Amino acid sequence: MSSSNSNKQHTNAATRAIIVALKSPFFNMSTRDIHSITGVPERTINNVYKRACDRGFDPQTPILTIKDEWLVDSPRSGRPRRSGEDDPGKHVVSRAARNRFGHDKSEQSRTEETAAEITETNI
């Protein structure tokens, strides 16, 4: 797995649960062995286990217990999305309702353009 951020994949909760269970004293598997089974980078395995312990996982309990709240994703840093970014199609529709000069198109001209597009694709 590449170390660049663009190729970075986040592990899902089920994989994180497997990592915590296998690394715990109940199975006592090495990070390298867990990596060979799951394909998750060794650094990620160590981070997942540490985060679970920081959030309440106790490896010394007599019964293996793993809770969802120990495995949830951390909040992502960065700029929050603007309200229109949740629906990328919304931007396309608003652009289609304006001409190349930014003026509102009439309903009739939008209907004519749509009809022309449909005719062109059907022919």
PDB file of N, CA and C in Angstrom:
ATOM      1  N   MET A   1       0.845  -1.168   0.000  1.00  0.00           N
ATOM      2  CA  MET A   1       0.000   0.000   0.000  1.00  0.00           C
ATOM      3  C   MET A   1       0.890   1.231   0.000  1.00  0.00           C
ATOM      4  N   SER A   2       0.561   2.173  -0.830  1.00  0.00           N
ATOM      5  CA  SER A   2       1.365   3.375  -0.978  1.00  0.00           C
ATOM      6  C   SER A   2       1.235   4.279   0.236  1.00  0.00           C
ATOM      7  N   SER A   3       2.273   5.068   0.486  1.00  0.00           N
ATOM      8  CA  SER A   3       2.235   5.952   1.642  1.00  0.00           C
ATOM      9  C   SER A   3       1.681   7.320   1.304  1.00  0.00           C
ATOM     10  N   SER A   4       1.356   7.582   0.032  1.00  0.00           N
ATOM     11  CA  SER A   4       0.810   8.892  -0.303  1.00  0.00           C
ATOM     12  C   SER A   4      -0.618   9.013   0.195  1.00  0.00           C
ATOM     13  N   ASN A   5      -1.001  10.226   0.554  1.00  0.00           N
ATOM     14  CA  ASN A   5      -2.324  10.456   1.112  1.00  0.00           C
ATOM     15  C   ASN A   5      -3.440  10.206   0.114  1.00  0.00           C
ATOM     16  N   SER A   6      -3.169  10.376  -1.198  1.00  0.00           N
ATOM     17  CA  SER A   6      -4.219  10.179  -2.178  1.00  0.00           C
ATOM     18  C   SER A   6      -4.620   8.708  -2.285  1.00  0.00           C
ATOM     19  N   ASN A   7      -3.708   7.792  -1.981  1.00  0.00           N
ATOM     20  CA  ASN A   7      -4.009   6.370  -2.056  1.00  0.00           C
ATOM     21  C   ASN A   7      -4.357   5.779  -0.707  1.00  0.00           C
ATOM     22  N   LYS A   8      -4.392   6.606   0.313  1.00  0.00           N
ATOM     23  CA  LYS A   8      -4.615   6.126   1.672  1.00  0.00           C
ATOM     24  C   LYS A   8      -6.032   5.587   1.812  1.00  0.00           C
ATOM     25  N   GLN A   9      -6.139   4.375   2.315  1.00  0.00           N
ATOM     26  CA  GLN A   9      -7.440   3.772   2.539  1.00  0.00           C
ATOM     27  C   GLN A   9      -7.659   3.633   4.030  1.00  0.00           C
ATOM     28  N   HIS A  10      -8.860   3.920   4.457  1.00  0.00           N
ATOM     29  CA  HIS A  10      -9.185   3.806   5.868  1.00  0.00           C
ATOM     30  C   HIS A  10      -9.734   2.418   6.142  1.00  0.00           C
ATOM     31  N   THR A  11      -9.345   1.844   7.271  1.00  0.00           N
ATOM     32  CA  THR A  11      -9.834   0.522   7.626  1.00  0.00           C
ATOM     33  C   THR A  11     -11.254   0.643   8.164  1.00  0.00           C
ATOM     34  N   ASN A  12     -12.076  -0.355   7.888  1.00  0.00           N
ATOM     35  CA  ASN A  12     -13.446  -0.335   8.412  1.00  0.00           C
ATOM     36  C   ASN A  12     -13.459  -0.888   9.833  1.00  0.00           C
ATOM     37  N   ALA A  13     -14.583  -0.726  10.503  1.00  0.00           N
ATOM     38  CA  ALA A  13     -14.696  -1.111  11.909  1.00  0.00           C
ATOM     39  C   ALA A  13     -14.471  -2.612  12.111  1.00  0.00           C
ATOM     40  N   ALA A  14     -14.919  -3.435  11.189  1.00  0.00           N
ATOM     41  CA  ALA A  14     -14.741  -4.880  11.331  1.00  0.00           C
ATOM     42  C   ALA A  14     -13.257  -5.250  11.288  1.00  0.00           C
ATOM     43  N   THR A  15     -12.519  -4.638  10.380  1.00  0.00           N
ATOM     44  CA  THR A  15     -11.083  -4.901  10.290  1.00  0.00           C
ATOM     45  C   THR A  15     -10.374  -4.417  11.543  1.00  0.00           C
ATOM     46  N   ARG A  16     -10.777  -3.260  12.061  1.00  0.00           N
ATOM     47  CA  ARG A  16     -10.172  -2.752  13.291  1.00  0.00           C
ATOM     48  C   ARG A  16     -10.454  -3.688  14.465  1.00  0.00           C
ATOM     49  N   ALA A  17     -11.654  -4.269  14.510  1.00  0.00           N
ATOM     50  CA  ALA A  17     -11.994  -5.218  15.581  1.00  0.00           C
ATOM     51  C   ALA A  17     -11.109  -6.461  15.488  1.00  0.00           C
ATOM     52  N   ILE A  18     -10.874  -6.944  14.276  1.00  0.00           N
ATOM     53  CA  ILE A  18     -10.001  -8.103  14.088  1.00  0.00           C
ATOM     54  C   ILE A  18      -8.589  -7.773  14.552  1.00  0.00           C
ATOM     55  N   ILE A  19      -8.118  -6.574  14.201  1.00  0.00           N
ATOM     56  CA  ILE A  19      -6.772  -6.155  14.598  1.00  0.00           C
ATOM     57  C   ILE A  19      -6.639  -6.139  16.119  1.00  0.00           C
ATOM     58  N   VAL A  20      -7.615  -5.542  16.798  1.00  0.00           N
ATOM     59  CA  VAL A  20      -7.561  -5.444  18.262  1.00  0.00           C
ATOM     60  C   VAL A  20      -7.593  -6.839  18.889  1.00  0.00           C
ATOM     61  N   ALA A  21      -8.452  -7.698  18.367  1.00  0.00           N
ATOM     62  CA  ALA A  21      -8.551  -9.046  18.929  1.00  0.00           C
ATOM     63  C   ALA A  21      -7.257  -9.833  18.728  1.00  0.00           C
ATOM     64  N   LEU A  22      -6.702  -9.800  17.521  1.00  0.00           N
ATOM     65  CA  LEU A  22      -5.500 -10.579  17.236  1.00  0.00           C
ATOM     66  C   LEU A  22      -4.272 -10.054  17.980  1.00  0.00           C
ATOM     67  N   LYS A  23      -4.206  -8.751  18.180  1.00  0.00           N
ATOM     68  CA  LYS A  23      -3.048  -8.158  18.857  1.00  0.00           C
ATOM     69  C   LYS A  23      -3.149  -8.275  20.379  1.00  0.00           C
ATOM     70  N   SER A  24      -4.356  -8.518  20.885  1.00  0.00           N
ATOM     71  CA  SER A  24      -4.568  -8.628  22.325  1.00  0.00           C
ATOM     72  C   SER A  24      -3.871  -9.880  22.876  1.00  0.00           C
ATOM     73  N   PRO A  25      -3.682  -9.933  24.194  1.00  0.00           N
ATOM     74  CA  PRO A  25      -3.041 -11.105  24.809  1.00  0.00           C
ATOM     75  C   PRO A  25      -3.803 -12.416  24.579  1.00  0.00           C
ATOM     76  N   PHE A  26      -5.069 -12.356  24.199  1.00  0.00           N
ATOM     77  CA  PHE A  26      -5.837 -13.579  23.949  1.00  0.00           C
ATOM     78  C   PHE A  26      -5.268 -14.363  22.767  1.00  0.00           C
ATOM     79  N   PHE A  27      -4.820 -13.646  21.728  1.00  0.00           N
ATOM     80  CA  PHE A  27      -4.234 -14.293  20.556  1.00  0.00           C
ATOM     81  C   PHE A  27      -2.736 -14.022  20.462  1.00  0.00           C
ATOM     82  N   ASN A  28      -2.301 -12.874  20.993  1.00  0.00           N
ATOM     83  CA  ASN A  28      -0.895 -12.510  21.099  1.00  0.00           C
ATOM     84  C   ASN A  28      -0.140 -12.625  19.771  1.00  0.00           C
ATOM     85  N   MET A  29      -0.783 -12.162  18.691  1.00  0.00           N
ATOM     86  CA  MET A  29      -0.131 -12.208  17.382  1.00  0.00           C
ATOM     87  C   MET A  29       0.747 -10.974  17.206  1.00  0.00           C
ATOM     88  N   SER A  30       1.821 -11.147  16.481  1.00  0.00           N
ATOM     89  CA  SER A  30       2.708 -10.020  16.204  1.00  0.00           C
ATOM     90  C   SER A  30       2.070  -9.108  15.161  1.00  0.00           C
ATOM     91  N   THR A  31       2.533  -7.883  15.157  1.00  0.00           N
ATOM     92  CA  THR A  31       2.045  -6.907  14.180  1.00  0.00           C
ATOM     93  C   THR A  31       2.324  -7.396  12.763  1.00  0.00           C
ATOM     94  N   ARG A  32       3.477  -7.979  12.572  1.00  0.00           N
ATOM     95  CA  ARG A  32       3.855  -8.488  11.240  1.00  0.00           C
ATOM     96  C   ARG A  32       2.907  -9.597  10.784  1.00  0.00           C
ATOM     97  N   ASP A  33       2.541 -10.512  11.699  1.00  0.00           N
ATOM     98  CA  ASP A  33       1.610 -11.597  11.357  1.00  0.00           C
ATOM     99  C   ASP A  33       0.223 -11.039  11.022  1.00  0.00           C
ATOM    100  N   ILE A  34      -0.223 -10.047  11.797  1.00  0.00           N
ATOM    101  CA  ILE A  34      -1.531  -9.437  11.528  1.00  0.00           C
ATOM    102  C   ILE A  34      -1.503  -8.753  10.166  1.00  0.00           C
ATOM    103  N   HIS A  35      -0.389  -8.098   9.854  1.00  0.00           N
ATOM    104  CA  HIS A  35      -0.230  -7.462   8.541  1.00  0.00           C
ATOM    105  C   HIS A  35      -0.339  -8.496   7.421  1.00  0.00           C
ATOM    106  N   SER A  36       0.308  -9.645   7.599  1.00  0.00           N
ATOM    107  CA  SER A  36       0.269 -10.664   6.539  1.00  0.00           C
ATOM    108  C   SER A  36      -1.134 -11.250   6.357  1.00  0.00           C
ATOM    109  N   ILE A  37      -1.940 -11.248   7.417  1.00  0.00           N
ATOM    110  CA  ILE A  37      -3.308 -11.768   7.320  1.00  0.00           C
ATOM    111  C   ILE A  37      -4.265 -10.736   6.729  1.00  0.00           C
ATOM    112  N   THR A  38      -4.149  -9.487   7.187  1.00  0.00           N
ATOM    113  CA  THR A  38      -5.130  -8.458   6.823  1.00  0.00           C
ATOM    114  C   THR A  38      -4.693  -7.559   5.678  1.00  0.00           C
ATOM    115  N   GLY A  39      -3.381  -7.425   5.465  1.00  0.00           N
ATOM    116  CA  GLY A  39      -2.889  -6.508   4.449  1.00  0.00           C
ATOM    117  C   GLY A  39      -2.831  -5.064   4.928  1.00  0.00           C
ATOM    118  N   VAL A  40      -3.209  -4.832   6.173  1.00  0.00           N
ATOM    119  CA  VAL A  40      -3.177  -3.485   6.748  1.00  0.00           C
ATOM    120  C   VAL A  40      -1.734  -3.165   7.123  1.00  0.00           C
ATOM    121  N   PRO A  41      -1.260  -1.948   6.806  1.00  0.00           N
ATOM    122  CA  PRO A  41       0.125  -1.597   7.155  1.00  0.00           C
ATOM    123  C   PRO A  41       0.394  -1.730   8.652  1.00  0.00           C
ATOM    124  N   GLU A  42       1.614  -2.117   8.997  1.00  0.00           N
ATOM    125  CA  GLU A  42       1.981  -2.349  10.398  1.00  0.00           C
ATOM    126  C   GLU A  42       1.780  -1.098  11.252  1.00  0.00           C
ATOM    127  N   ARG A  43       2.104   0.042  10.716  1.00  0.00           N
ATOM    128  CA  ARG A  43       1.918   1.287  11.472  1.00  0.00           C
ATOM    129  C   ARG A  43       0.443   1.508  11.805  1.00  0.00           C
ATOM    130  N   THR A  44      -0.424   1.225  10.845  1.00  0.00           N
ATOM    131  CA  THR A  44      -1.867   1.369  11.062  1.00  0.00           C
ATOM    132  C   THR A  44      -2.339   0.390  12.135  1.00  0.00           C
ATOM    133  N   ILE A  45      -1.834  -0.833  12.101  1.00  0.00           N
ATOM    134  CA  ILE A  45      -2.205  -1.836  13.104  1.00  0.00           C
ATOM    135  C   ILE A  45      -1.864  -1.334  14.500  1.00  0.00           C
ATOM    136  N   ASN A  46      -0.650  -0.812  14.658  1.00  0.00           N
ATOM    137  CA  ASN A  46      -0.239  -0.295  15.967  1.00  0.00           C
ATOM    138  C   ASN A  46      -1.102   0.898  16.396  1.00  0.00           C
ATOM    139  N   ASN A  47      -1.430   1.775  15.437  1.00  0.00           N
ATOM    140  CA  ASN A  47      -2.271   2.931  15.758  1.00  0.00           C
ATOM    141  C   ASN A  47      -3.684   2.514  16.162  1.00  0.00           C
ATOM    142  N   VAL A  48      -4.256   1.541  15.460  1.00  0.00           N
ATOM    143  CA  VAL A  48      -5.604   1.060  15.779  1.00  0.00           C
ATOM    144  C   VAL A  48      -5.629   0.478  17.186  1.00  0.00           C
ATOM    145  N   TYR A  49      -4.635  -0.345  17.508  1.00  0.00           N
ATOM    146  CA  TYR A  49      -4.587  -0.977  18.830  1.00  0.00           C
ATOM    147  C   TYR A  49      -4.394   0.069  19.935  1.00  0.00           C
ATOM    148  N   LYS A  50      -3.501   1.007  19.700  1.00  0.00           N
ATOM    149  CA  LYS A  50      -3.252   2.056  20.689  1.00  0.00           C
ATOM    150  C   LYS A  50      -4.509   2.895  20.921  1.00  0.00           C
ATOM    151  N   ARG A  51      -5.180   3.268  19.808  1.00  0.00           N
ATOM    152  CA  ARG A  51      -6.406   4.068  19.932  1.00  0.00           C
ATOM    153  C   ARG A  51      -7.480   3.316  20.712  1.00  0.00           C
ATOM    154  N   ALA A  52      -7.618   2.018  20.459  1.00  0.00           N
ATOM    155  CA  ALA A  52      -8.612   1.217  21.184  1.00  0.00           C
ATOM    156  C   ALA A  52      -8.278   1.189  22.678  1.00  0.00           C
ATOM    157  N   CYS A  53      -7.009   1.033  23.011  1.00  0.00           N
ATOM    158  CA  CYS A  53      -6.598   1.041  24.429  1.00  0.00           C
ATOM    159  C   CYS A  53      -6.840   2.405  25.054  1.00  0.00           C
ATOM    160  N   ASP A  54      -6.539   3.469  24.313  1.00  0.00           N
ATOM    161  CA  ASP A  54      -6.767   4.828  24.819  1.00  0.00           C
ATOM    162  C   ASP A  54      -8.253   5.100  25.063  1.00  0.00           C
ATOM    163  N   ARG A  55      -9.113   4.448  24.283  1.00  0.00           N
ATOM    164  CA  ARG A  55     -10.555   4.679  24.382  1.00  0.00           C
ATOM    165  C   ARG A  55     -11.258   3.731  25.347  1.00  0.00           C
ATOM    166  N   GLY A  56     -10.523   2.837  25.970  1.00  0.00           N
ATOM    167  CA  GLY A  56     -11.148   1.998  26.982  1.00  0.00           C
ATOM    168  C   GLY A  56     -10.924   0.506  26.866  1.00  0.00           C
ATOM    169  N   PHE A  57     -10.333   0.020  25.796  1.00  0.00           N
ATOM    170  CA  PHE A  57     -10.064  -1.413  25.678  1.00  0.00           C
ATOM    171  C   PHE A  57      -9.017  -1.816  26.717  1.00  0.00           C
ATOM    172  N   ASP A  58      -9.329  -2.824  27.510  1.00  0.00           N
ATOM    173  CA  ASP A  58      -8.399  -3.314  28.529  1.00  0.00           C
ATOM    174  C   ASP A  58      -7.945  -4.713  28.153  1.00  0.00           C
ATOM    175  N   PRO A  59      -6.710  -4.851  27.672  1.00  0.00           N
ATOM    176  CA  PRO A  59      -6.239  -6.165  27.234  1.00  0.00           C
ATOM    177  C   PRO A  59      -6.055  -7.157  28.377  1.00  0.00           C
ATOM    178  N   GLN A  60      -6.085  -6.700  29.617  1.00  0.00           N
ATOM    179  CA  GLN A  60      -5.848  -7.588  30.757  1.00  0.00           C
ATOM    180  C   GLN A  60      -7.125  -8.187  31.349  1.00  0.00           C
ATOM    181  N   THR A  61      -8.286  -7.849  30.791  1.00  0.00           N
ATOM    182  CA  THR A  61      -9.527  -8.436  31.326  1.00  0.00           C
ATOM    183  C   THR A  61      -9.583  -9.922  30.996  1.00  0.00           C
ATOM    184  N   PRO A  62     -10.255 -10.723  31.830  1.00  0.00           N
ATOM    185  CA  PRO A  62     -10.291 -12.173  31.597  1.00  0.00           C
ATOM    186  C   PRO A  62     -11.169 -12.588  30.409  1.00  0.00           C
ATOM    187  N   ILE A  63     -12.051 -11.700  29.954  1.00  0.00           N
ATOM    188  CA  ILE A  63     -12.925 -12.005  28.814  1.00  0.00           C
ATOM    189  C   ILE A  63     -12.674 -10.967  27.726  1.00  0.00           C
ATOM    190  N   LEU A  64     -12.484 -11.436  26.502  1.00  0.00           N
ATOM    191  CA  LEU A  64     -12.243 -10.521  25.380  1.00  0.00           C
ATOM    192  C   LEU A  64     -13.523  -9.773  25.061  1.00  0.00           C
ATOM    193  N   THR A  65     -13.501  -8.463  25.238  1.00  0.00           N
ATOM    194  CA  THR A  65     -14.650  -7.614  24.936  1.00  0.00           C
ATOM    195  C   THR A  65     -14.179  -6.466  24.057  1.00  0.00           C
ATOM    196  N   ILE A  66     -14.880  -6.273  22.940  1.00  0.00           N
ATOM    197  CA  ILE A  66     -14.549  -5.169  22.027  1.00  0.00           C
ATOM    198  C   ILE A  66     -15.831  -4.387  21.779  1.00  0.00           C
ATOM    199  N   LYS A  67     -15.796  -3.096  22.048  1.00  0.00           N
ATOM    200  CA  LYS A  67     -16.971  -2.239  21.883  1.00  0.00           C
ATOM    201  C   LYS A  67     -16.786  -1.317  20.683  1.00  0.00           C
ATOM    202  N   ASP A  68     -17.921  -0.986  20.051  1.00  0.00           N
ATOM    203  CA  ASP A  68     -17.895  -0.113  18.874  1.00  0.00           C
ATOM    204  C   ASP A  68     -17.224   1.224  19.157  1.00  0.00           C
ATOM    205  N   GLU A  69     -17.491   1.797  20.336  1.00  0.00           N
ATOM    206  CA  GLU A  69     -16.943   3.132  20.624  1.00  0.00           C
ATOM    207  C   GLU A  69     -15.415   3.138  20.705  1.00  0.00           C
ATOM    208  N   TRP A  70     -14.804   1.987  20.839  1.00  0.00           N
ATOM    209  CA  TRP A  70     -13.341   1.910  20.857  1.00  0.00           C
ATOM    210  C   TRP A  70     -12.770   1.882  19.441  1.00  0.00           C
ATOM    211  N   LEU A  71     -13.637   1.653  18.464  1.00  0.00           N
ATOM    212  CA  LEU A  71     -13.179   1.443  17.091  1.00  0.00           C
ATOM    213  C   LEU A  71     -13.637   2.504  16.098  1.00  0.00           C
ATOM    214  N   VAL A  72     -14.470   3.435  16.520  1.00  0.00           N
ATOM    215  CA  VAL A  72     -15.040   4.410  15.587  1.00  0.00           C
ATOM    216  C   VAL A  72     -13.959   5.290  14.972  1.00  0.00           C
ATOM    217  N   ASP A  73     -14.253   5.808  13.773  1.00  0.00           N
ATOM    218  CA  ASP A  73     -13.346   6.730  13.105  1.00  0.00           C
ATOM    219  C   ASP A  73     -13.204   8.006  13.905  1.00  0.00           C
ATOM    220  N   SER A  74     -12.016   8.560  13.889  1.00  0.00           N
ATOM    221  CA  SER A  74     -11.798   9.866  14.502  1.00  0.00           C
ATOM    222  C   SER A  74     -12.356  10.927  13.569  1.00  0.00           C
ATOM    223  N   PRO A  75     -12.778  12.064  14.119  1.00  0.00           N
ATOM    224  CA  PRO A  75     -13.249  13.147  13.250  1.00  0.00           C
ATOM    225  C   PRO A  75     -12.121  13.589  12.319  1.00  0.00           C
ATOM    226  N   ARG A  76     -12.458  13.906  11.103  1.00  0.00           N
ATOM    227  CA  ARG A  76     -11.470  14.339  10.120  1.00  0.00           C
ATOM    228  C   ARG A  76     -11.207  15.829  10.286  1.00  0.00           C
ATOM    229  N   SER A  77      -9.953  16.190  10.173  1.00  0.00           N
ATOM    230  CA  SER A  77      -9.611  17.604  10.246  1.00  0.00           C
ATOM    231  C   SER A  77      -9.802  18.221   8.861  1.00  0.00           C
ATOM    232  N   GLY A  78      -9.811  19.498   8.831  1.00  0.00           N
ATOM    233  CA  GLY A  78      -9.937  20.188   7.558  1.00  0.00           C
ATOM    234  C   GLY A  78     -11.172  21.058   7.503  1.00  0.00           C
ATOM    235  N   ARG A  79     -11.265  21.760   6.431  1.00  0.00           N
ATOM    236  CA  ARG A  79     -12.365  22.681   6.246  1.00  0.00           C
ATOM    237  C   ARG A  79     -13.663  21.915   6.053  1.00  0.00           C
ATOM    238  N   PRO A  80     -14.727  22.294   6.771  1.00  0.00           N
ATOM    239  CA  PRO A  80     -16.006  21.621   6.571  1.00  0.00           C
ATOM    240  C   PRO A  80     -16.582  21.949   5.199  1.00  0.00           C
ATOM    241  N   ARG A  81     -17.407  21.056   4.693  1.00  0.00           N
ATOM    242  CA  ARG A  81     -18.036  21.267   3.394  1.00  0.00           C
ATOM    243  C   ARG A  81     -19.018  22.421   3.454  1.00  0.00           C
ATOM    244  N   ARG A  82     -19.130  23.126   2.343  1.00  0.00           N
ATOM    245  CA  ARG A  82     -20.162  24.143   2.243  1.00  0.00           C
ATOM    246  C   ARG A  82     -21.475  23.429   1.980  1.00  0.00           C
ATOM    247  N   SER A  83     -22.558  24.105   2.209  1.00  0.00           N
ATOM    248  CA  SER A  83     -23.871  23.452   2.118  1.00  0.00           C
ATOM    249  C   SER A  83     -24.143  22.874   0.735  1.00  0.00           C
ATOM    250  N   GLY A  84     -23.702  23.502  -0.324  1.00  0.00           N
ATOM    251  CA  GLY A  84     -23.955  23.004  -1.670  1.00  0.00           C
ATOM    252  C   GLY A  84     -23.073  21.850  -2.072  1.00  0.00           C
ATOM    253  N   GLU A  85     -21.996  21.596  -1.348  1.00  0.00           N
ATOM    254  CA  GLU A  85     -21.059  20.541  -1.716  1.00  0.00           C
ATOM    255  C   GLU A  85     -21.577  19.148  -1.395  1.00  0.00           C
ATOM    256  N   ASP A  86     -22.617  19.049  -0.566  1.00  0.00           N
ATOM    257  CA  ASP A  86     -23.166  17.740  -0.235  1.00  0.00           C
ATOM    258  C   ASP A  86     -23.853  17.104  -1.439  1.00  0.00           C
ATOM    259  N   ASP A  87     -24.380  17.929  -2.342  1.00  0.00           N
ATOM    260  CA  ASP A  87     -25.080  17.435  -3.511  1.00  0.00           C
ATOM    261  C   ASP A  87     -24.444  18.036  -4.755  1.00  0.00           C
ATOM    262  N   PRO A  88     -23.455  17.331  -5.358  1.00  0.00           N
ATOM    263  CA  PRO A  88     -22.781  17.897  -6.524  1.00  0.00           C
ATOM    264  C   PRO A  88     -23.730  18.152  -7.687  1.00  0.00           C
ATOM    265  N   GLY A  89     -24.814  17.414  -7.803  1.00  0.00           N
ATOM    266  CA  GLY A  89     -25.776  17.613  -8.881  1.00  0.00           C
ATOM    267  C   GLY A  89     -26.494  18.937  -8.776  1.00  0.00           C
ATOM    268  N   LYS A  90     -26.577  19.459  -7.571  1.00  0.00           N
ATOM    269  CA  LYS A  90     -27.256  20.740  -7.354  1.00  0.00           C
ATOM    270  C   LYS A  90     -26.563  21.845  -8.137  1.00  0.00           C
ATOM    271  N   HIS A  91     -25.228  21.812  -8.180  1.00  0.00           N
ATOM    272  CA  HIS A  91     -24.459  22.815  -8.903  1.00  0.00           C
ATOM    273  C   HIS A  91     -24.722  22.701 -10.404  1.00  0.00           C
ATOM    274  N   VAL A  92     -24.797  21.482 -10.912  1.00  0.00           N
ATOM    275  CA  VAL A  92     -25.035  21.261 -12.330  1.00  0.00           C
ATOM    276  C   VAL A  92     -26.399  21.808 -12.727  1.00  0.00           C
ATOM    277  N   VAL A  93     -27.405  21.549 -11.907  1.00  0.00           N
ATOM    278  CA  VAL A  93     -28.751  22.031 -12.215  1.00  0.00           C
ATOM    279  C   VAL A  93     -28.781  23.547 -12.201  1.00  0.00           C
ATOM    280  N   SER A  94     -28.130  24.175 -11.229  1.00  0.00           N
ATOM    281  CA  SER A  94     -28.151  25.630 -11.167  1.00  0.00           C
ATOM    282  C   SER A  94     -27.411  26.230 -12.351  1.00  0.00           C
ATOM    283  N   ARG A  95     -26.332  25.571 -12.827  1.00  0.00           N
ATOM    284  CA  ARG A  95     -25.609  26.074 -14.002  1.00  0.00           C
ATOM    285  C   ARG A  95     -26.451  25.908 -15.258  1.00  0.00           C
ATOM    286  N   ALA A  96     -27.219  24.828 -15.353  1.00  0.00           N
ATOM    287  CA  ALA A  96     -28.043  24.593 -16.529  1.00  0.00           C
ATOM    288  C   ALA A  96     -29.168  25.610 -16.628  1.00  0.00           C
ATOM    289  N   ALA A  97     -29.541  26.199 -15.524  1.00  0.00           N
ATOM    290  CA  ALA A  97     -30.628  27.171 -15.523  1.00  0.00           C
ATOM    291  C   ALA A  97     -30.140  28.564 -15.896  1.00  0.00           C
ATOM    292  N   ARG A  98     -28.839  28.707 -16.171  1.00  0.00           N
ATOM    293  CA  ARG A  98     -28.288  30.014 -16.550  1.00  0.00           C
ATOM    294  C   ARG A  98     -27.601  29.902 -17.906  1.00  0.00           C
ATOM    295  N   ASN A  99     -27.618  31.004 -18.659  1.00  0.00           N
ATOM    296  CA  ASN A  99     -26.936  31.007 -19.945  1.00  0.00           C
ATOM    297  C   ASN A  99     -25.457  31.294 -19.741  1.00  0.00           C
ATOM    298  N   ARG A 100     -24.713  31.400 -20.837  1.00  0.00           N
ATOM    299  CA  ARG A 100     -23.259  31.578 -20.706  1.00  0.00           C
ATOM    300  C   ARG A 100     -22.862  32.917 -20.116  1.00  0.00           C
ATOM    301  N   PHE A 101     -23.799  33.850 -20.047  1.00  0.00           N
ATOM    302  CA  PHE A 101     -23.529  35.151 -19.450  1.00  0.00           C
ATOM    303  C   PHE A 101     -23.961  35.224 -17.988  1.00  0.00           C
ATOM    304  N   GLY A 102     -24.495  34.109 -17.453  1.00  0.00           N
ATOM    305  CA  GLY A 102     -24.909  34.063 -16.061  1.00  0.00           C
ATOM    306  C   GLY A 102     -26.329  34.522 -15.827  1.00  0.00           C
ATOM    307  N   HIS A 103     -27.071  34.805 -16.910  1.00  0.00           N
ATOM    308  CA  HIS A 103     -28.469  35.223 -16.778  1.00  0.00           C
ATOM    309  C   HIS A 103     -29.386  34.017 -16.733  1.00  0.00           C
ATOM    310  N   ASP A 104     -30.488  34.145 -16.013  1.00  0.00           N
ATOM    311  CA  ASP A 104     -31.451  33.050 -15.930  1.00  0.00           C
ATOM    312  C   ASP A 104     -32.030  32.744 -17.301  1.00  0.00           C
ATOM    313  N   LYS A 105     -32.092  31.451 -17.615  1.00  0.00           N
ATOM    314  CA  LYS A 105     -32.743  31.030 -18.852  1.00  0.00           C
ATOM    315  C   LYS A 105     -34.228  30.913 -18.595  1.00  0.00           C
ATOM    316  N   SER A 106     -34.994  31.142 -19.631  1.00  0.00           N
ATOM    317  CA  SER A 106     -36.445  30.969 -19.483  1.00  0.00           C
ATOM    318  C   SER A 106     -36.759  29.478 -19.450  1.00  0.00           C
ATOM    319  N   GLU A 107     -37.885  29.140 -18.894  1.00  0.00           N
ATOM    320  CA  GLU A 107     -38.321  27.741 -18.833  1.00  0.00           C
ATOM    321  C   GLU A 107     -38.443  27.174 -20.239  1.00  0.00           C
ATOM    322  N   GLN A 108     -38.899  27.987 -21.166  1.00  0.00           N
ATOM    323  CA  GLN A 108     -39.091  27.528 -22.540  1.00  0.00           C
ATOM    324  C   GLN A 108     -37.741  27.179 -23.179  1.00  0.00           C
ATOM    325  N   SER A 109     -36.725  28.022 -22.996  1.00  0.00           N
ATOM    326  CA  SER A 109     -35.429  27.732 -23.623  1.00  0.00           C
ATOM    327  C   SER A 109     -34.788  26.484 -23.002  1.00  0.00           C
ATOM    328  N   ARG A 110     -34.978  26.272 -21.684  1.00  0.00           N
ATOM    329  CA  ARG A 110     -34.447  25.052 -21.061  1.00  0.00           C
ATOM    330  C   ARG A 110     -35.146  23.827 -21.614  1.00  0.00           C
ATOM    331  N   THR A 111     -36.467  23.916 -21.813  1.00  0.00           N
ATOM    332  CA  THR A 111     -37.234  22.799 -22.367  1.00  0.00           C
ATOM    333  C   THR A 111     -36.791  22.506 -23.789  1.00  0.00           C
ATOM    334  N   GLU A 112     -36.574  23.560 -24.591  1.00  0.00           N
ATOM    335  CA  GLU A 112     -36.125  23.370 -25.976  1.00  0.00           C
ATOM    336  C   GLU A 112     -34.741  22.721 -26.022  1.00  0.00           C
ATOM    337  N   GLU A 113     -33.819  23.152 -25.137  1.00  0.00           N
ATOM    338  CA  GLU A 113     -32.483  22.559 -25.090  1.00  0.00           C
ATOM    339  C   GLU A 113     -32.547  21.084 -24.706  1.00  0.00           C
ATOM    340  N   THR A 114     -33.372  20.762 -23.730  1.00  0.00           N
ATOM    341  CA  THR A 114     -33.511  19.373 -23.288  1.00  0.00           C
ATOM    342  C   THR A 114     -34.076  18.525 -24.413  1.00  0.00           C
ATOM    343  N   ALA A 115     -35.072  19.036 -25.109  1.00  0.00           N
ATOM    344  CA  ALA A 115     -35.669  18.297 -26.229  1.00  0.00           C
ATOM    345  C   ALA A 115     -34.653  18.089 -27.326  1.00  0.00           C
ATOM    346  N   ALA A 116     -33.830  19.099 -27.607  1.00  0.00           N
ATOM    347  CA  ALA A 116     -32.801  18.973 -28.630  1.00  0.00           C
ATOM    348  C   ALA A 116     -31.759  17.921 -28.236  1.00  0.00           C
ATOM    349  N   GLU A 117     -31.376  17.903 -26.964  1.00  0.00           N
ATOM    350  CA  GLU A 117     -30.419  16.917 -26.488  1.00  0.00           C
ATOM    351  C   GLU A 117     -30.971  15.502 -26.591  1.00  0.00           C
ATOM    352  N   ILE A 118     -32.239  15.340 -26.247  1.00  0.00           N
ATOM    353  CA  ILE A 118     -32.862  14.017 -26.317  1.00  0.00           C
ATOM    354  C   ILE A 118     -32.915  13.553 -27.769  1.00  0.00           C
ATOM    355  N   THR A 119     -33.286  14.463 -28.674  1.00  0.00           N
ATOM    356  CA  THR A 119     -33.363  14.109 -30.088  1.00  0.00           C
ATOM    357  C   THR A 119     -31.995  13.728 -30.627  1.00  0.00           C
ATOM    358  N   GLU A 120     -30.963  14.469 -30.252  1.00  0.00           N
ATOM    359  CA  GLU A 120     -29.606  14.184 -30.732  1.00  0.00           C
ATOM    360  C   GLU A 120     -29.106  12.831 -30.245  1.00  0.00           C
ATOM    361  N   THR A 121     -29.430  12.468 -29.009  1.00  0.00           N
ATOM    362  CA  THR A 121     -28.947  11.194 -28.476  1.00  0.00           C
ATOM    363  C   THR A 121     -29.743  10.015 -28.990  1.00  0.00           C
ATOM    364  N   ASN A 122     -30.969  10.234 -29.432  1.00  0.00           N
ATOM    365  CA  ASN A 122     -31.794   9.145 -29.940  1.00  0.00           C
ATOM    366  C   ASN A 122     -31.581   8.870 -31.406  1.00  0.00           C
ATOM    367  N   ILE A 123     -30.967   9.775 -32.107  1.00  0.00           N
ATOM    368  CA  ILE A 123     -30.786   9.620 -33.559  1.00  0.00           C
ATOM    369  C   ILE A 123     -29.529   8.862 -33.859  1.00  0.00           C
TER     370      ILE A 123
END
